Amino acid sequence: MKIVVIGSRDSVLGFSLAGIHERYLVTTREEAEEAFTRCLQDCAIGIILIEQTMADHLATRIRDTGKKRNMYPIIIPIPGSGDV
């Protein structure tokens, strides 16, 4: 099972240092949507860590994904560098 992170440079760098090697550096809503779609297509991904601001933009898709799939992937919003 793979763990991926979707987020800004700071989030991606931090999780890279923690050992997560699959990461998507995104700066726009469109890039976040594209990265999220790619992650959903990879059945080896079990956990998606997504920066909160990106998760807010994708809230409907995240909610729909949870309804369509039983357990995986687990989608976890994480605070970004600008979130306090």
N, C-alpha and C. Protein backbone atom coordinates (compact mmCIF):
# COMPACT_ATOMS: atom_id res chain seq x y z
N MET A 1 0.85 -1.17 0.00
CA MET A 1 0.00 0.00 0.00
C MET A 1 0.89 1.24 0.00
N LYS A 2 0.56 2.17 -0.88
CA LYS A 2 1.33 3.40 -0.99
C LYS A 2 0.62 4.55 -0.28
N ILE A 3 1.42 5.47 0.20
CA ILE A 3 0.92 6.71 0.80
C ILE A 3 1.41 7.84 -0.08
N VAL A 4 0.50 8.77 -0.42
CA VAL A 4 0.89 9.91 -1.25
C VAL A 4 0.49 11.20 -0.54
N VAL A 5 1.15 12.28 -0.93
CA VAL A 5 0.81 13.59 -0.40
C VAL A 5 0.56 14.52 -1.58
N ILE A 6 -0.48 15.32 -1.46
CA ILE A 6 -0.83 16.34 -2.45
C ILE A 6 -0.82 17.67 -1.72
N GLY A 7 0.00 18.62 -2.19
CA GLY A 7 0.02 19.91 -1.51
C GLY A 7 1.06 20.86 -2.04
N SER A 8 1.29 21.89 -1.25
CA SER A 8 2.25 22.93 -1.60
C SER A 8 3.68 22.43 -1.38
N ARG A 9 4.63 23.24 -1.76
CA ARG A 9 6.05 22.87 -1.66
C ARG A 9 6.43 22.50 -0.24
N ASP A 10 6.00 23.28 0.75
CA ASP A 10 6.37 23.00 2.14
C ASP A 10 5.82 21.66 2.63
N SER A 11 4.57 21.41 2.31
CA SER A 11 3.96 20.13 2.74
C SER A 11 4.63 18.94 2.07
N VAL A 12 4.82 19.06 0.77
CA VAL A 12 5.44 17.98 0.01
C VAL A 12 6.86 17.72 0.50
N LEU A 13 7.62 18.77 0.72
CA LEU A 13 8.98 18.63 1.20
C LEU A 13 9.01 17.98 2.59
N GLY A 14 8.15 18.44 3.47
CA GLY A 14 8.10 17.87 4.82
C GLY A 14 7.80 16.39 4.83
N PHE A 15 6.81 15.98 4.05
CA PHE A 15 6.47 14.56 4.01
C PHE A 15 7.51 13.75 3.25
N SER A 16 8.21 14.38 2.31
CA SER A 16 9.31 13.69 1.64
C SER A 16 10.40 13.36 2.63
N LEU A 17 10.71 14.29 3.52
CA LEU A 17 11.72 14.06 4.54
C LEU A 17 11.28 12.98 5.53
N ALA A 18 9.97 12.82 5.66
CA ALA A 18 9.44 11.78 6.55
C ALA A 18 9.39 10.41 5.89
N GLY A 19 9.74 10.36 4.59
CA GLY A 19 9.82 9.07 3.93
C GLY A 19 8.74 8.79 2.90
N ILE A 20 7.84 9.71 2.66
CA ILE A 20 6.82 9.50 1.64
C ILE A 20 7.41 9.92 0.30
N HIS A 21 7.51 8.95 -0.61
CA HIS A 21 8.21 9.21 -1.86
C HIS A 21 7.28 9.56 -3.01
N GLU A 22 6.01 9.26 -2.89
CA GLU A 22 5.08 9.62 -3.95
C GLU A 22 4.38 10.91 -3.54
N ARG A 23 4.59 11.94 -4.32
CA ARG A 23 4.07 13.25 -3.94
C ARG A 23 3.68 14.04 -5.17
N TYR A 24 2.73 14.92 -4.97
CA TYR A 24 2.25 15.80 -6.03
C TYR A 24 2.32 17.23 -5.53
N LEU A 25 3.21 18.00 -6.13
CA LEU A 25 3.35 19.41 -5.81
C LEU A 25 2.35 20.16 -6.67
N VAL A 26 1.39 20.82 -6.03
CA VAL A 26 0.33 21.52 -6.76
C VAL A 26 0.23 22.96 -6.25
N THR A 27 -0.15 23.84 -7.16
CA THR A 27 -0.32 25.24 -6.79
C THR A 27 -1.69 25.79 -7.18
N THR A 28 -2.41 25.06 -8.02
CA THR A 28 -3.73 25.52 -8.46
C THR A 28 -4.78 24.45 -8.20
N ARG A 29 -6.02 24.87 -8.26
CA ARG A 29 -7.13 23.94 -8.08
C ARG A 29 -7.11 22.87 -9.16
N GLU A 30 -6.81 23.27 -10.39
CA GLU A 30 -6.79 22.32 -11.50
C GLU A 30 -5.70 21.26 -11.30
N GLU A 31 -4.53 21.69 -10.85
CA GLU A 31 -3.46 20.73 -10.58
C GLU A 31 -3.85 19.77 -9.47
N ALA A 32 -4.53 20.28 -8.46
CA ALA A 32 -4.99 19.42 -7.35
C ALA A 32 -6.00 18.40 -7.85
N GLU A 33 -6.92 18.82 -8.70
CA GLU A 33 -7.91 17.90 -9.26
C GLU A 33 -7.24 16.82 -10.09
N GLU A 34 -6.27 17.21 -10.90
CA GLU A 34 -5.56 16.25 -11.74
C GLU A 34 -4.78 15.24 -10.88
N ALA A 35 -4.10 15.73 -9.86
CA ALA A 35 -3.34 14.84 -8.97
C ALA A 35 -4.27 13.89 -8.24
N PHE A 36 -5.40 14.40 -7.76
CA PHE A 36 -6.37 13.58 -7.04
C PHE A 36 -6.92 12.48 -7.95
N THR A 37 -7.23 12.84 -9.19
CA THR A 37 -7.73 11.87 -10.16
C THR A 37 -6.70 10.78 -10.42
N ARG A 38 -5.44 11.16 -10.58
CA ARG A 38 -4.37 10.17 -10.79
C ARG A 38 -4.25 9.23 -9.60
N CYS A 39 -4.37 9.77 -8.42
CA CYS A 39 -4.27 8.94 -7.21
C CYS A 39 -5.41 7.93 -7.14
N LEU A 40 -6.61 8.35 -7.51
CA LEU A 40 -7.75 7.44 -7.47
C LEU A 40 -7.63 6.32 -8.50
N GLN A 41 -6.89 6.56 -9.57
CA GLN A 41 -6.73 5.55 -10.61
C GLN A 41 -5.69 4.49 -10.23
N ASP A 42 -4.87 4.77 -9.25
CA ASP A 42 -3.82 3.84 -8.82
C ASP A 42 -4.34 3.02 -7.64
N CYS A 43 -4.69 1.78 -7.89
CA CYS A 43 -5.29 0.95 -6.83
C CYS A 43 -4.29 0.56 -5.74
N ALA A 44 -3.01 0.84 -5.94
CA ALA A 44 -2.01 0.54 -4.92
C ALA A 44 -1.96 1.61 -3.83
N ILE A 45 -2.60 2.76 -4.08
CA ILE A 45 -2.60 3.85 -3.11
C ILE A 45 -3.66 3.60 -2.05
N GLY A 46 -3.23 3.59 -0.80
CA GLY A 46 -4.15 3.34 0.31
C GLY A 46 -4.46 4.57 1.13
N ILE A 47 -3.54 5.54 1.13
CA ILE A 47 -3.73 6.76 1.91
C ILE A 47 -3.33 7.96 1.07
N ILE A 48 -4.22 8.95 1.02
CA ILE A 48 -3.93 10.20 0.34
C ILE A 48 -3.94 11.30 1.40
N LEU A 49 -2.79 11.93 1.59
CA LEU A 49 -2.69 13.09 2.47
C LEU A 49 -2.82 14.31 1.57
N ILE A 50 -3.83 15.14 1.81
CA ILE A 50 -4.07 16.28 0.94
C ILE A 50 -4.18 17.55 1.78
N GLU A 51 -3.48 18.58 1.35
CA GLU A 51 -3.48 19.84 2.08
C GLU A 51 -4.91 20.37 2.20
N GLN A 52 -5.23 20.91 3.36
CA GLN A 52 -6.60 21.31 3.69
C GLN A 52 -7.22 22.24 2.65
N THR A 53 -6.46 23.23 2.17
CA THR A 53 -7.04 24.16 1.18
C THR A 53 -7.40 23.42 -0.10
N MET A 54 -6.60 22.45 -0.50
CA MET A 54 -6.91 21.65 -1.68
C MET A 54 -8.12 20.76 -1.41
N ALA A 55 -8.17 20.19 -0.21
CA ALA A 55 -9.31 19.34 0.16
C ALA A 55 -10.60 20.13 0.17
N ASP A 56 -10.53 21.39 0.60
CA ASP A 56 -11.73 22.23 0.59
C ASP A 56 -12.26 22.43 -0.83
N HIS A 57 -11.35 22.62 -1.78
CA HIS A 57 -11.75 22.79 -3.18
C HIS A 57 -12.34 21.51 -3.76
N LEU A 58 -11.88 20.38 -3.27
CA LEU A 58 -12.31 19.08 -3.78
C LEU A 58 -13.31 18.38 -2.86
N ALA A 59 -13.94 19.12 -1.98
CA ALA A 59 -14.80 18.52 -0.96
C ALA A 59 -15.88 17.61 -1.54
N THR A 60 -16.54 18.04 -2.60
CA THR A 60 -17.60 17.23 -3.20
C THR A 60 -17.03 15.94 -3.77
N ARG A 61 -15.91 16.02 -4.47
CA ARG A 61 -15.30 14.81 -5.02
C ARG A 61 -14.83 13.86 -3.93
N ILE A 62 -14.28 14.42 -2.87
CA ILE A 62 -13.81 13.59 -1.76
C ILE A 62 -15.00 12.88 -1.10
N ARG A 63 -16.07 13.61 -0.89
CA ARG A 63 -17.27 13.02 -0.28
C ARG A 63 -17.85 11.93 -1.19
N ASP A 64 -17.92 12.19 -2.50
CA ASP A 64 -18.44 11.20 -3.44
C ASP A 64 -17.56 9.96 -3.51
N THR A 65 -16.25 10.16 -3.43
CA THR A 65 -15.31 9.04 -3.44
C THR A 65 -15.55 8.14 -2.24
N GLY A 66 -15.78 8.75 -1.09
CA GLY A 66 -16.04 7.98 0.12
C GLY A 66 -17.31 7.15 0.01
N LYS A 67 -18.30 7.66 -0.70
CA LYS A 67 -19.55 6.93 -0.87
C LYS A 67 -19.41 5.78 -1.86
N LYS A 68 -18.58 5.95 -2.88
CA LYS A 68 -18.44 4.94 -3.93
C LYS A 68 -17.51 3.79 -3.53
N ARG A 69 -16.55 4.08 -2.69
CA ARG A 69 -15.56 3.07 -2.31
C ARG A 69 -15.78 2.69 -0.85
N ASN A 70 -15.50 1.46 -0.53
CA ASN A 70 -15.72 1.01 0.84
C ASN A 70 -14.72 1.61 1.82
N MET A 71 -13.42 1.38 1.58
CA MET A 71 -12.43 1.76 2.56
C MET A 71 -11.28 2.55 1.99
N TYR A 72 -10.82 2.19 0.82
CA TYR A 72 -9.60 2.78 0.29
C TYR A 72 -9.87 3.60 -0.94
N PRO A 73 -9.16 4.64 -1.17
CA PRO A 73 -8.10 5.15 -0.31
C PRO A 73 -8.68 5.95 0.85
N ILE A 74 -7.93 5.99 1.92
CA ILE A 74 -8.28 6.85 3.04
C ILE A 74 -7.75 8.24 2.69
N ILE A 75 -8.61 9.23 2.79
CA ILE A 75 -8.24 10.60 2.41
C ILE A 75 -8.17 11.43 3.68
N ILE A 76 -6.98 11.97 3.95
CA ILE A 76 -6.74 12.72 5.19
C ILE A 76 -6.31 14.14 4.86
N PRO A 77 -7.15 15.13 5.20
CA PRO A 77 -6.72 16.53 5.03
C PRO A 77 -5.64 16.86 6.06
N ILE A 78 -4.62 17.57 5.62
CA ILE A 78 -3.52 17.98 6.51
C ILE A 78 -3.39 19.50 6.45
N PRO A 79 -2.97 20.13 7.53
CA PRO A 79 -2.80 21.58 7.47
C PRO A 79 -1.65 21.95 6.54
N GLY A 80 -1.82 23.05 5.84
CA GLY A 80 -0.77 23.55 4.96
C GLY A 80 0.07 24.59 5.68
N SER A 81 1.04 25.10 5.00
CA SER A 81 1.94 26.08 5.61
C SER A 81 1.22 27.38 5.98
N GLY A 82 0.13 27.70 5.27
CA GLY A 82 -0.61 28.93 5.57
C GLY A 82 -1.74 28.73 6.57
N ASP A 83 -2.05 27.47 6.92
CA ASP A 83 -3.13 27.18 7.86
C ASP A 83 -2.62 27.29 9.29
N VAL A 84 -3.42 27.90 10.13
CA VAL A 84 -3.03 28.03 11.54
C VAL A 84 -4.10 27.43 12.41
